[in-house]
Amino acid sequence: MEEKIEEKLKNKKWKYTNIKYLFELQKFLDLADNIEDEQMRKLLINQMIKLDKQLTTISEEMFENIKNMKNK
């Protein structure tokens, strides 16, 4: 049975089951691991996490807007 969009959004499954997203995230983390300066590496990873969170919020708001438009 296919999961409803609302459930996917709630559980963030739309994001964490996306193969391309996971590949690019792993690629970023692999590259970041090669940064020798520990402080710089942590700053870069933390900033990437903040960016990812913001993009996720924007995406979910867009999904919600599309869902609301379809229900009208």
N, C-alpha and C. Protein backbone atom coordinates (compact mmCIF):
# COMPACT_ATOMS: atom_id res chain seq x y z
N MET A 1 0.84 -1.19 0.00
CA MET A 1 0.00 0.00 0.00
C MET A 1 0.88 1.24 0.00
N GLU A 2 0.58 2.17 -0.89
CA GLU A 2 1.40 3.38 -1.00
C GLU A 2 1.07 4.34 0.13
N GLU A 3 2.12 4.89 0.70
CA GLU A 3 1.96 5.81 1.82
C GLU A 3 1.49 7.17 1.31
N LYS A 4 0.60 7.81 2.04
CA LYS A 4 0.09 9.12 1.66
C LYS A 4 1.18 10.18 1.77
N ILE A 5 1.04 11.22 0.98
CA ILE A 5 2.02 12.31 0.97
C ILE A 5 2.17 12.91 2.36
N GLU A 6 1.07 13.05 3.08
CA GLU A 6 1.11 13.63 4.43
C GLU A 6 2.02 12.81 5.34
N GLU A 7 1.91 11.49 5.24
CA GLU A 7 2.74 10.62 6.08
C GLU A 7 4.21 10.71 5.68
N LYS A 8 4.48 10.76 4.38
CA LYS A 8 5.86 10.89 3.91
C LYS A 8 6.47 12.19 4.43
N LEU A 9 5.70 13.27 4.35
CA LEU A 9 6.20 14.55 4.85
C LEU A 9 6.44 14.52 6.35
N LYS A 10 5.49 13.94 7.06
CA LYS A 10 5.59 13.86 8.51
C LYS A 10 6.83 13.08 8.94
N ASN A 11 7.10 12.00 8.26
CA ASN A 11 8.22 11.13 8.63
C ASN A 11 9.50 11.47 7.88
N LYS A 12 9.48 12.48 7.05
CA LYS A 12 10.63 12.90 6.25
C LYS A 12 11.09 11.80 5.29
N LYS A 13 10.20 10.86 5.00
CA LYS A 13 10.57 9.76 4.11
C LYS A 13 10.83 10.24 2.70
N TRP A 14 10.20 11.32 2.29
CA TRP A 14 10.41 11.83 0.93
C TRP A 14 11.87 12.19 0.73
N LYS A 15 12.53 12.56 1.78
CA LYS A 15 13.91 13.02 1.69
C LYS A 15 14.89 11.87 1.89
N TYR A 16 14.68 11.08 2.91
CA TYR A 16 15.65 10.06 3.28
C TYR A 16 15.52 8.77 2.48
N THR A 17 14.56 8.72 1.56
CA THR A 17 14.48 7.58 0.65
C THR A 17 14.88 7.97 -0.76
N ASN A 18 15.30 9.22 -0.94
CA ASN A 18 15.71 9.71 -2.24
C ASN A 18 17.17 9.33 -2.47
N ILE A 19 17.41 8.44 -3.43
CA ILE A 19 18.75 7.91 -3.69
C ILE A 19 19.73 9.01 -4.08
N LYS A 20 19.29 9.94 -4.91
CA LYS A 20 20.18 11.03 -5.35
C LYS A 20 20.58 11.91 -4.17
N TYR A 21 19.61 12.23 -3.32
CA TYR A 21 19.90 13.04 -2.13
C TYR A 21 20.92 12.34 -1.24
N LEU A 22 20.68 11.07 -0.97
CA LEU A 22 21.58 10.31 -0.10
C LEU A 22 22.98 10.20 -0.70
N PHE A 23 23.06 10.01 -2.02
CA PHE A 23 24.35 9.94 -2.69
C PHE A 23 25.12 11.24 -2.53
N GLU A 24 24.45 12.36 -2.80
CA GLU A 24 25.12 13.67 -2.71
C GLU A 24 25.51 14.00 -1.27
N LEU A 25 24.68 13.63 -0.33
CA LEU A 25 25.00 13.85 1.08
C LEU A 25 26.24 13.05 1.48
N GLN A 26 26.28 11.80 1.07
CA GLN A 26 27.44 10.95 1.38
C GLN A 26 28.70 11.49 0.72
N LYS A 27 28.56 11.96 -0.50
CA LYS A 27 29.70 12.54 -1.22
C LYS A 27 30.24 13.76 -0.47
N PHE A 28 29.33 14.62 -0.01
CA PHE A 28 29.73 15.80 0.76
C PHE A 28 30.47 15.39 2.03
N LEU A 29 29.90 14.44 2.76
CA LEU A 29 30.52 14.01 4.02
C LEU A 29 31.88 13.36 3.78
N ASP A 30 32.01 12.60 2.70
CA ASP A 30 33.30 12.01 2.36
C ASP A 30 34.34 13.09 2.08
N LEU A 31 33.94 14.10 1.34
CA LEU A 31 34.87 15.20 1.04
C LEU A 31 35.23 15.97 2.32
N ALA A 32 34.23 16.20 3.16
CA ALA A 32 34.47 16.94 4.40
C ALA A 32 35.42 16.18 5.32
N ASP A 33 35.36 14.87 5.28
CA ASP A 33 36.26 14.06 6.11
C ASP A 33 37.73 14.28 5.76
N ASN A 34 37.99 14.74 4.55
CA ASN A 34 39.36 14.97 4.12
C ASN A 34 39.92 16.33 4.53
N ILE A 35 39.11 17.15 5.17
CA ILE A 35 39.58 18.45 5.64
C ILE A 35 40.35 18.23 6.94
N GLU A 36 41.61 18.60 6.91
CA GLU A 36 42.48 18.34 8.06
C GLU A 36 42.20 19.26 9.24
N ASP A 37 41.83 20.50 8.97
CA ASP A 37 41.56 21.47 10.03
C ASP A 37 40.22 21.09 10.68
N GLU A 38 40.29 20.54 11.89
CA GLU A 38 39.12 20.03 12.61
C GLU A 38 38.03 21.09 12.78
N GLN A 39 38.43 22.30 13.16
CA GLN A 39 37.46 23.36 13.38
C GLN A 39 36.76 23.74 12.06
N MET A 40 37.54 23.84 10.99
CA MET A 40 36.97 24.18 9.69
C MET A 40 36.01 23.08 9.23
N ARG A 41 36.40 21.82 9.43
CA ARG A 41 35.55 20.70 9.04
C ARG A 41 34.21 20.75 9.79
N LYS A 42 34.27 20.98 11.09
CA LYS A 42 33.04 21.05 11.89
C LYS A 42 32.16 22.22 11.47
N LEU A 43 32.79 23.37 11.21
CA LEU A 43 32.03 24.54 10.76
C LEU A 43 31.33 24.27 9.43
N LEU A 44 32.05 23.65 8.52
CA LEU A 44 31.49 23.36 7.21
C LEU A 44 30.33 22.36 7.30
N ILE A 45 30.50 21.32 8.07
CA ILE A 45 29.43 20.33 8.23
C ILE A 45 28.22 20.95 8.93
N ASN A 46 28.45 21.75 9.96
CA ASN A 46 27.34 22.41 10.65
C ASN A 46 26.58 23.34 9.72
N GLN A 47 27.32 24.07 8.87
CA GLN A 47 26.65 24.97 7.94
C GLN A 47 25.84 24.19 6.92
N MET A 48 26.37 23.06 6.47
CA MET A 48 25.64 22.23 5.52
C MET A 48 24.35 21.69 6.16
N ILE A 49 24.41 21.33 7.42
CA ILE A 49 23.22 20.85 8.13
C ILE A 49 22.17 21.97 8.21
N LYS A 50 22.61 23.19 8.50
CA LYS A 50 21.67 24.33 8.55
C LYS A 50 21.05 24.58 7.19
N LEU A 51 21.86 24.51 6.14
CA LEU A 51 21.36 24.69 4.78
C LEU A 51 20.34 23.61 4.44
N ASP A 52 20.67 22.38 4.75
CA ASP A 52 19.78 21.26 4.47
C ASP A 52 18.45 21.43 5.20
N LYS A 53 18.51 21.85 6.44
CA LYS A 53 17.29 22.05 7.22
C LYS A 53 16.42 23.14 6.60
N GLN A 54 17.06 24.23 6.15
CA GLN A 54 16.31 25.33 5.54
C GLN A 54 15.67 24.89 4.22
N LEU A 55 16.42 24.17 3.41
CA LEU A 55 15.88 23.68 2.14
C LEU A 55 14.75 22.69 2.37
N THR A 56 14.86 21.89 3.40
CA THR A 56 13.79 20.94 3.74
C THR A 56 12.53 21.69 4.13
N THR A 57 12.67 22.71 4.93
CA THR A 57 11.53 23.52 5.35
C THR A 57 10.85 24.16 4.15
N ILE A 58 11.64 24.75 3.27
CA ILE A 58 11.09 25.38 2.07
C ILE A 58 10.36 24.34 1.21
N SER A 59 10.97 23.19 1.02
CA SER A 59 10.36 22.13 0.21
C SER A 59 9.04 21.67 0.81
N GLU A 60 9.01 21.46 2.10
CA GLU A 60 7.79 20.99 2.75
C GLU A 60 6.69 22.03 2.69
N GLU A 61 7.05 23.31 2.77
CA GLU A 61 6.06 24.37 2.62
C GLU A 61 5.49 24.36 1.20
N MET A 62 6.35 24.12 0.22
CA MET A 62 5.89 24.05 -1.17
C MET A 62 4.97 22.85 -1.37
N PHE A 63 5.33 21.70 -0.79
CA PHE A 63 4.48 20.52 -0.87
C PHE A 63 3.10 20.81 -0.27
N GLU A 64 3.11 21.46 0.86
CA GLU A 64 1.86 21.80 1.54
C GLU A 64 1.02 22.74 0.68
N ASN A 65 1.65 23.74 0.06
CA ASN A 65 0.93 24.67 -0.81
C ASN A 65 0.32 23.94 -2.00
N ILE A 66 1.07 23.02 -2.60
CA ILE A 66 0.55 22.26 -3.73
C ILE A 66 -0.63 21.40 -3.29
N LYS A 67 -0.50 20.77 -2.14
CA LYS A 67 -1.59 19.94 -1.61
C LYS A 67 -2.85 20.79 -1.39
N ASN A 68 -2.67 21.97 -0.82
CA ASN A 68 -3.81 22.86 -0.56
C ASN A 68 -4.45 23.34 -1.85
N MET A 69 -3.64 23.60 -2.85
CA MET A 69 -4.18 24.04 -4.14
C MET A 69 -4.99 22.94 -4.80
N LYS A 70 -4.55 21.68 -4.65
CA LYS A 70 -5.28 20.55 -5.23
C LYS A 70 -6.60 20.32 -4.52
N ASN A 71 -6.66 20.67 -3.24
CA ASN A 71 -7.88 20.44 -2.46
C ASN A 71 -8.92 21.51 -2.69
N LYS A 72 -8.57 22.57 -3.37
CA LYS A 72 -9.55 23.66 -3.61
C LYS A 72 -10.40 23.38 -4.81
